[in-house]
Protein backbone atom coordinates (compact mmCIF):
# COMPACT_ATOMS: atom_id res chain seq x y z
CA UNK A 1 100.12 45.66 56.11
CA UNK A 2 100.66 49.32 54.73
CA UNK A 3 100.77 50.48 58.45
CA UNK A 4 103.48 48.09 59.22
CA UNK A 5 105.48 48.86 56.17
CA UNK A 6 105.11 52.53 56.90
CA UNK A 7 106.18 51.98 60.52
CA UNK A 8 109.52 50.26 59.38
CA UNK A 9 110.13 52.66 56.48
CA UNK A 10 110.31 55.87 58.76
CA UNK A 11 112.43 54.06 61.34
CA UNK A 12 115.56 52.88 59.66
CA UNK A 13 117.49 52.88 62.91
CA UNK A 14 114.88 50.61 64.60
CA UNK A 15 115.13 48.30 61.46
CA UNK A 16 119.00 48.03 62.06
CA UNK A 17 118.58 47.49 65.66
CA UNK A 18 116.07 44.64 64.87
CA UNK A 19 118.30 42.99 62.46
CA UNK A 20 121.06 43.12 64.96
CA UNK A 21 118.96 42.02 67.87
CA UNK A 22 117.67 38.67 66.68
CA UNK A 23 120.95 36.97 65.74
CA UNK A 24 122.37 38.34 69.05
CA UNK A 25 119.50 37.01 71.08
CA UNK A 26 119.66 33.70 69.19
CA UNK A 27 123.33 33.34 70.04
CA UNK A 28 122.85 34.47 73.71
CA UNK A 29 120.15 31.90 74.28
CA UNK A 30 121.90 29.14 72.32
CA UNK A 31 124.96 29.56 74.54
CA UNK A 32 122.77 29.50 77.60
CA UNK A 33 121.41 26.21 76.63
CA UNK A 34 124.64 24.53 75.57
CA UNK A 35 125.25 20.97 76.94
CA UNK A 36 128.33 20.04 78.88
CA UNK A 37 131.52 19.47 76.84
CA UNK A 38 132.06 15.73 77.22
CA UNK A 39 135.67 15.14 78.08
CA UNK A 40 136.23 11.51 79.34
CA UNK A 41 139.33 10.64 81.32
CA UNK A 42 140.81 8.73 78.25
CA UNK A 43 140.72 11.91 76.02
CA UNK A 44 141.41 14.40 78.67
CA UNK A 45 145.21 14.56 77.95
CA UNK A 46 144.50 15.40 74.37
CA UNK A 47 141.84 17.97 74.91
CA UNK A 48 143.24 19.56 78.31
CA UNK A 49 147.03 19.36 77.34
CA UNK A 50 149.29 22.20 75.79
CA UNK A 51 148.19 21.45 72.24
CA UNK A 52 144.78 23.08 72.20
CA UNK A 53 142.77 23.15 68.89
CA UNK A 54 141.46 26.21 67.08
CA UNK A 55 137.96 25.12 68.24
CA UNK A 56 139.08 25.37 71.75
CA UNK A 57 140.40 28.89 71.23
CA UNK A 58 137.27 29.95 69.85
CA UNK A 59 135.22 28.50 72.59
CA UNK A 60 137.46 30.17 75.16
CA UNK A 61 137.09 33.52 73.09
CA UNK A 62 133.28 33.13 73.27
CA UNK A 63 133.32 32.28 76.92
CA UNK A 64 135.21 35.48 77.57
CA UNK A 65 133.13 37.84 75.59
CA UNK A 66 130.07 36.42 77.27
CA UNK A 67 131.94 36.23 80.57
CA UNK A 68 128.97 36.93 82.86
CA UNK A 69 126.78 34.09 81.66
CA UNK A 70 127.09 30.28 81.54
CA UNK A 71 128.30 29.38 78.06
CA UNK A 72 130.53 26.27 77.39
CA UNK A 73 131.47 24.18 80.31
CA UNK A 74 133.38 21.01 81.01
CA UNK A 75 131.83 17.67 82.10
CA UNK A 76 132.56 17.15 85.77
CA UNK A 77 135.16 14.36 86.56
CA UNK A 78 138.71 13.54 87.17
CA UNK A 79 141.19 14.29 84.34
CA UNK A 80 144.95 14.09 83.68
CA UNK A 81 147.12 16.67 82.38
CA UNK A 82 150.49 15.23 81.18
CA UNK A 83 151.17 11.70 82.10
CA UNK A 84 148.40 9.66 83.76
CA UNK A 85 149.99 9.68 87.22
CA UNK A 86 147.93 8.65 90.24
CA UNK A 87 150.34 10.42 92.54
CA UNK A 88 150.35 13.75 90.64
CA UNK A 89 149.19 16.77 92.37
CA UNK A 90 145.32 17.07 92.62
CA UNK A 91 143.80 20.39 91.81
CA UNK A 92 140.08 21.16 92.32
CA UNK A 93 138.40 23.66 89.89
CA UNK A 94 135.05 24.79 88.45
CA UNK A 95 133.63 23.38 85.33
CA UNK A 96 133.54 26.75 83.56
CA UNK A 97 135.26 26.17 80.26
CA UNK A 98 137.40 29.33 80.28
CA UNK A 99 138.50 28.50 83.77
CA UNK A 100 139.64 25.01 82.82
CA UNK A 101 141.16 26.28 79.61
CA UNK A 102 143.17 28.92 81.24
CA UNK A 103 144.26 26.66 84.16
CA UNK A 104 145.48 23.99 81.73
CA UNK A 105 147.21 26.33 79.50
CA UNK A 106 149.24 27.52 82.65
CA UNK A 107 150.02 24.07 83.76
CA UNK A 108 151.54 23.12 80.46
CA UNK A 109 153.27 19.77 80.28
CA UNK A 110 153.39 19.23 84.01
CA UNK A 111 151.76 16.07 85.31
CA UNK A 112 148.74 17.16 87.17
CA UNK A 113 145.21 15.53 88.21
CA UNK A 114 142.24 17.83 87.77
CA UNK A 115 139.19 17.17 89.67
CA UNK A 116 136.52 19.25 87.86
CA UNK A 117 133.20 19.85 89.95
CA UNK A 118 129.86 20.83 88.73
CA UNK A 119 129.36 24.51 89.34
CA UNK A 120 126.79 25.03 86.64
CA UNK A 121 129.35 26.42 84.26
CA UNK A 122 130.14 29.30 86.56
CA UNK A 123 133.78 30.35 87.56
CA UNK A 124 135.37 29.59 90.96
CA UNK A 125 134.79 32.93 92.64
CA UNK A 126 131.12 33.49 91.61
CA UNK A 127 130.22 29.81 92.17
CA UNK A 128 131.71 29.80 95.66
CA UNK A 129 129.74 33.00 96.58
CA UNK A 130 126.67 31.17 95.31
CA UNK A 131 127.30 27.93 97.21
CA UNK A 132 127.92 25.88 93.95
CA UNK A 133 131.69 25.53 94.62
CA UNK A 134 131.02 23.65 97.87
CA UNK A 135 132.37 20.86 100.15
CA UNK A 136 129.50 18.56 99.26
CA UNK A 137 130.04 18.95 95.54
CA UNK A 138 133.80 18.11 95.96
CA UNK A 139 132.98 15.05 97.90
CA UNK A 140 130.46 13.84 95.52
CA UNK A 141 132.68 14.32 92.47
CA UNK A 142 135.74 12.64 94.29
CA UNK A 143 134.04 9.63 95.69
CA UNK A 144 133.49 7.76 92.30
CA UNK A 145 137.28 7.89 91.68
CA UNK A 146 138.08 6.42 95.14
CA UNK A 147 139.71 9.53 96.31
CA UNK A 148 137.84 9.32 99.64
CA UNK A 149 138.94 5.77 100.28
CA UNK A 150 142.68 5.86 100.16
CA UNK A 151 144.72 4.65 103.12
CA UNK A 152 146.16 8.13 103.79
CA UNK A 153 144.48 11.39 103.44
CA UNK A 154 144.17 12.69 99.80
CA UNK A 155 145.77 15.94 99.37
CA UNK A 156 143.74 18.30 97.32
CA UNK A 157 144.66 21.90 96.26
CA UNK A 158 141.88 24.28 96.53
CA UNK A 159 141.82 27.67 94.61
CA UNK A 160 141.78 30.31 97.38
CA UNK A 161 138.88 32.08 95.59
CA UNK A 162 136.82 28.92 96.52
CA UNK A 163 136.99 29.34 100.20
CA UNK A 164 133.80 31.37 100.56
CA UNK A 165 131.84 28.12 99.70
CA UNK A 166 134.16 25.34 101.14
CA UNK A 167 134.27 24.06 104.73
CA UNK A 168 137.90 22.99 105.35
CA UNK A 169 137.09 20.89 108.44
CA UNK A 170 134.44 18.98 106.71
CA UNK A 171 136.79 17.95 103.99
CA UNK A 172 139.34 16.74 106.61
CA UNK A 173 136.55 14.61 108.07
CA UNK A 174 136.19 13.05 104.70
CA UNK A 175 139.79 11.83 104.23
CA UNK A 176 141.13 14.91 102.62
CA UNK A 177 144.05 17.04 103.41
CA UNK A 178 143.03 20.30 101.84
CA UNK A 179 145.72 22.84 100.86
CA UNK A 180 144.91 26.43 99.93
CA UNK A 181 146.47 27.19 96.54
CA UNK A 182 147.22 30.45 94.81
CA UNK A 183 144.69 32.92 93.80
CA UNK A 184 145.72 33.09 90.15
CA UNK A 185 146.33 30.43 87.61
CA UNK A 186 149.49 32.24 86.59
CA UNK A 187 151.04 31.40 89.93
CA UNK A 188 150.28 27.60 89.68
CA UNK A 189 153.32 26.61 87.82
CA UNK A 190 155.90 28.08 90.23
CA UNK A 191 153.82 26.63 93.11
CA UNK A 192 153.88 23.13 91.74
CA UNK A 193 157.50 23.41 90.63
CA UNK A 194 158.47 24.35 94.28
CA UNK A 195 157.39 20.84 95.32
CA UNK A 196 156.22 21.75 98.83
CA UNK A 197 152.47 22.35 98.90
CA UNK A 198 152.18 25.14 101.28
CA UNK A 199 149.02 27.14 102.19
CA UNK A 200 148.89 30.33 100.26
CA UNK A 201 146.69 32.00 102.98
CA UNK A 202 148.52 35.47 102.55
CA UNK A 203 147.81 35.84 98.78
CA UNK A 204 146.01 39.16 98.15
CA UNK A 205 143.66 39.99 95.25
CA UNK A 206 145.29 42.57 92.96
CA UNK A 207 142.51 44.04 90.86
CA UNK A 208 144.87 45.96 88.51
CA UNK A 209 144.41 47.49 85.10
CA UNK A 210 144.95 44.09 83.39
CA UNK A 211 142.13 42.39 85.40
CA UNK A 212 139.91 45.18 84.90
CA UNK A 213 140.40 45.31 81.19
CA UNK A 214 139.64 41.56 81.05
CA UNK A 215 136.18 42.37 82.34
CA UNK A 216 135.53 45.58 80.47
CA UNK A 217 134.55 44.17 77.12
CA UNK A 218 132.26 41.46 78.58
CA UNK A 219 130.55 44.05 80.76
CA UNK A 220 130.12 46.39 77.71
CA UNK A 221 128.68 43.45 75.64
CA UNK A 222 126.42 42.50 78.51
CA UNK A 223 124.81 45.99 78.73
CA UNK A 224 124.79 46.43 74.91
CA UNK A 225 122.49 43.47 74.81
CA UNK A 226 120.32 44.57 77.66
CA UNK A 227 119.67 48.00 76.18
CA UNK A 228 119.52 46.78 72.61
CA UNK A 229 116.69 44.51 73.85
CA UNK A 230 115.05 47.50 75.71
CA UNK A 231 115.14 49.59 72.63
CA UNK A 232 113.57 46.82 70.38
CA UNK A 233 111.01 45.99 72.92
CA UNK A 234 109.86 49.68 73.15
CA UNK A 235 109.43 49.51 69.32
CA UNK A 236 111.70 52.48 68.88
CA UNK A 237 109.83 54.68 71.34
CA UNK A 238 113.10 54.96 73.48
CA UNK A 239 115.99 56.82 71.93
CA UNK A 240 118.61 54.69 70.22
CA UNK A 241 121.26 56.63 72.19
CA UNK A 242 120.48 54.51 75.30
CA UNK A 243 122.29 51.55 73.56
CA UNK A 244 125.56 53.42 72.99
CA UNK A 245 125.39 55.39 76.31
CA UNK A 246 124.96 52.06 78.31
CA UNK A 247 127.66 50.33 76.41
CA UNK A 248 130.14 53.30 76.79
CA UNK A 249 129.29 53.47 80.67
CA UNK A 250 129.69 49.75 81.02
CA UNK A 251 132.95 49.76 79.33
CA UNK A 252 134.28 52.75 81.18
CA UNK A 253 133.30 51.67 84.70
CA UNK A 254 135.72 48.71 85.06
CA UNK A 255 138.63 50.70 83.70
CA UNK A 256 138.00 53.66 86.10
CA UNK A 257 136.88 51.50 89.10
CA UNK A 258 139.70 52.21 91.59
CA UNK A 259 139.73 55.91 90.64
CA UNK A 260 136.07 56.48 91.09
CA UNK A 261 135.16 58.04 94.60
CA UNK A 262 133.13 55.90 96.92
CA UNK A 263 133.31 52.58 98.88
CA UNK A 264 130.20 51.16 97.48
CA UNK A 265 130.03 49.83 93.92
CA UNK A 266 126.83 51.95 93.38
CA UNK A 267 128.39 54.98 94.73
CA UNK A 268 131.21 54.47 92.36
CA UNK A 269 128.50 54.43 89.66
CA UNK A 270 127.09 57.69 90.79
CA UNK A 271 130.53 59.08 90.65
CA UNK A 272 131.04 57.96 86.94
CA UNK A 273 127.68 59.55 86.19
CA UNK A 274 128.57 62.88 87.72
CA UNK A 275 131.78 62.82 85.77
CA UNK A 276 130.12 62.30 82.32
CA UNK A 277 127.08 64.36 82.94
CA UNK A 278 128.93 67.55 81.72
CA UNK A 279 129.50 65.89 78.33
CA UNK A 280 125.70 65.23 78.11
CA UNK A 281 125.07 68.90 79.10
CA UNK A 282 127.28 70.18 76.40
CA UNK A 283 125.49 67.94 73.74
CA UNK A 284 122.06 68.75 74.84
CA UNK A 285 122.08 72.29 76.33
CA UNK A 286 119.52 73.58 73.85
CA UNK A 287 116.97 70.94 74.79
CA UNK A 288 116.31 71.01 78.66
CA UNK A 289 113.78 68.19 78.53
CA UNK A 290 116.16 66.01 76.56
CA UNK A 291 119.04 66.93 78.86
CA UNK A 292 117.02 65.94 81.96
CA UNK A 293 116.08 62.73 80.33
CA UNK A 294 119.70 61.79 79.51
CA UNK A 295 120.98 62.87 82.93
CA UNK A 296 118.38 60.64 84.80
CA UNK A 297 119.23 57.76 82.39
CA UNK A 298 123.01 58.25 82.93
CA UNK A 299 122.62 58.12 86.75
CA UNK A 300 120.22 55.15 86.67
CA UNK A 301 122.43 53.09 84.29
CA UNK A 302 125.64 53.94 86.11
CA UNK A 303 124.20 52.75 89.39
CA UNK A 304 122.78 49.66 87.76
CA UNK A 305 126.25 48.81 86.18
CA UNK A 306 127.80 49.32 89.46
CA UNK A 307 125.40 46.88 91.24
CA UNK A 308 126.00 44.51 88.35
CA UNK A 309 129.75 44.74 88.73
CA UNK A 310 129.71 43.47 92.31
CA UNK A 311 129.31 40.05 90.74
CA UNK A 312 131.73 40.84 87.82
CA UNK A 313 134.69 41.46 89.89
CA UNK A 314 136.78 39.62 92.54
CA UNK A 315 136.90 42.47 95.20
CA UNK A 316 133.33 42.27 96.34
CA UNK A 317 131.82 40.73 99.58
CA UNK A 318 128.61 38.67 99.40
CA UNK A 319 127.17 40.16 102.71
CA UNK A 320 127.87 43.75 101.70
CA UNK A 321 126.66 42.99 98.20
CA UNK A 322 123.29 41.94 99.46
CA UNK A 323 123.07 45.08 101.65
CA UNK A 324 124.15 47.42 98.84
CA UNK A 325 121.60 45.96 96.41
CA UNK A 326 118.74 46.19 98.89
CA UNK A 327 119.60 49.99 99.38
CA UNK A 328 120.34 51.07 95.88
CA UNK A 329 118.32 48.92 93.51
CA UNK A 330 114.92 50.76 94.58
CA UNK A 331 116.88 53.88 93.51
CA UNK A 332 117.54 52.55 90.09
CA UNK A 333 113.94 51.47 89.64
CA UNK A 334 112.67 54.84 90.68
CA UNK A 335 115.03 56.61 88.38
CA UNK A 336 114.01 54.42 85.44
CA UNK A 337 110.32 54.95 86.13
CA UNK A 338 110.98 58.73 86.10
CA UNK A 339 112.18 58.47 82.56
CA UNK A 340 108.47 57.74 81.46
CA UNK A 341 106.82 61.04 82.40
CA UNK A 342 110.03 62.95 81.16
CA UNK A 343 109.81 61.22 77.86
CA UNK A 344 106.02 62.00 77.66
CA UNK A 345 106.81 65.59 78.24
CA UNK A 346 109.53 65.67 75.71
CA UNK A 347 106.94 64.29 73.04
CA UNK A 348 104.53 66.98 74.02
CA UNK A 349 107.02 69.88 74.14
């Protein structure tokens, strides 16, 4: 017991990290195990309309800061926004809570039917790439509502981000007339108000500062949790600086993304590491072993962030991501392994 008390008494930073880690881990795992939010068609207008409650905004905020993990999600089904109109435009979307929340906010008071399919609580882009936003899932969720048995073909508006996982011809064979809608929710109101549901095949992804800033804080929180856990699991053997270094790199990477040299995400991570390395050199130039450790950590973590960001952005390609991961992930692993002998040398120096 005295040894344990002594261990904690001489490591106040570790104690602070431990006190922060446990509630963080509890919240993280609690959100991962959340059951679907039950929204029946009868209550959909109230819960998906323009008058969202404070609870909905809190859920949307939590869904945003933990953007890259399943949190709150909507029960799959057919919902109405505005009046219950069987002839209203029919949009298909994922059951990620934030996706439905933002979409419904944009739609406002317009009369729209919303077919929410089961994507495991993942957003449209990521679930399409993983095969969750699929033709079969759309048909399975539409069939109980008679959408596949109408006299004419049922017109459904698909988000363009879903096309990676949807087979248009297969939908047509099942009595649908799929229309490719806008990429972004902000363009939905003008699209619906125009009346003519044309295919938005020419829409282009604009990954501007606003979009990158939207992902910056969630990315930083993601890596803050990862390296807080690494520090705690190591029982304070790793320097606490890994937490703030990883968090700062994860926040900076999305903001500087288009300005970092390189075509691959991982190469952009290397560019970021090269850009911040002089700062580490200025702070640790009197301790060569510590400087070497920090430089290896910065390069390993920056590449790791780059590989992770392939799934955190809307400008990646699934095939190229697999090739890039296979090429650079071993490099990340080797660099992290190299940190062990360097740390041992630092301890003996």
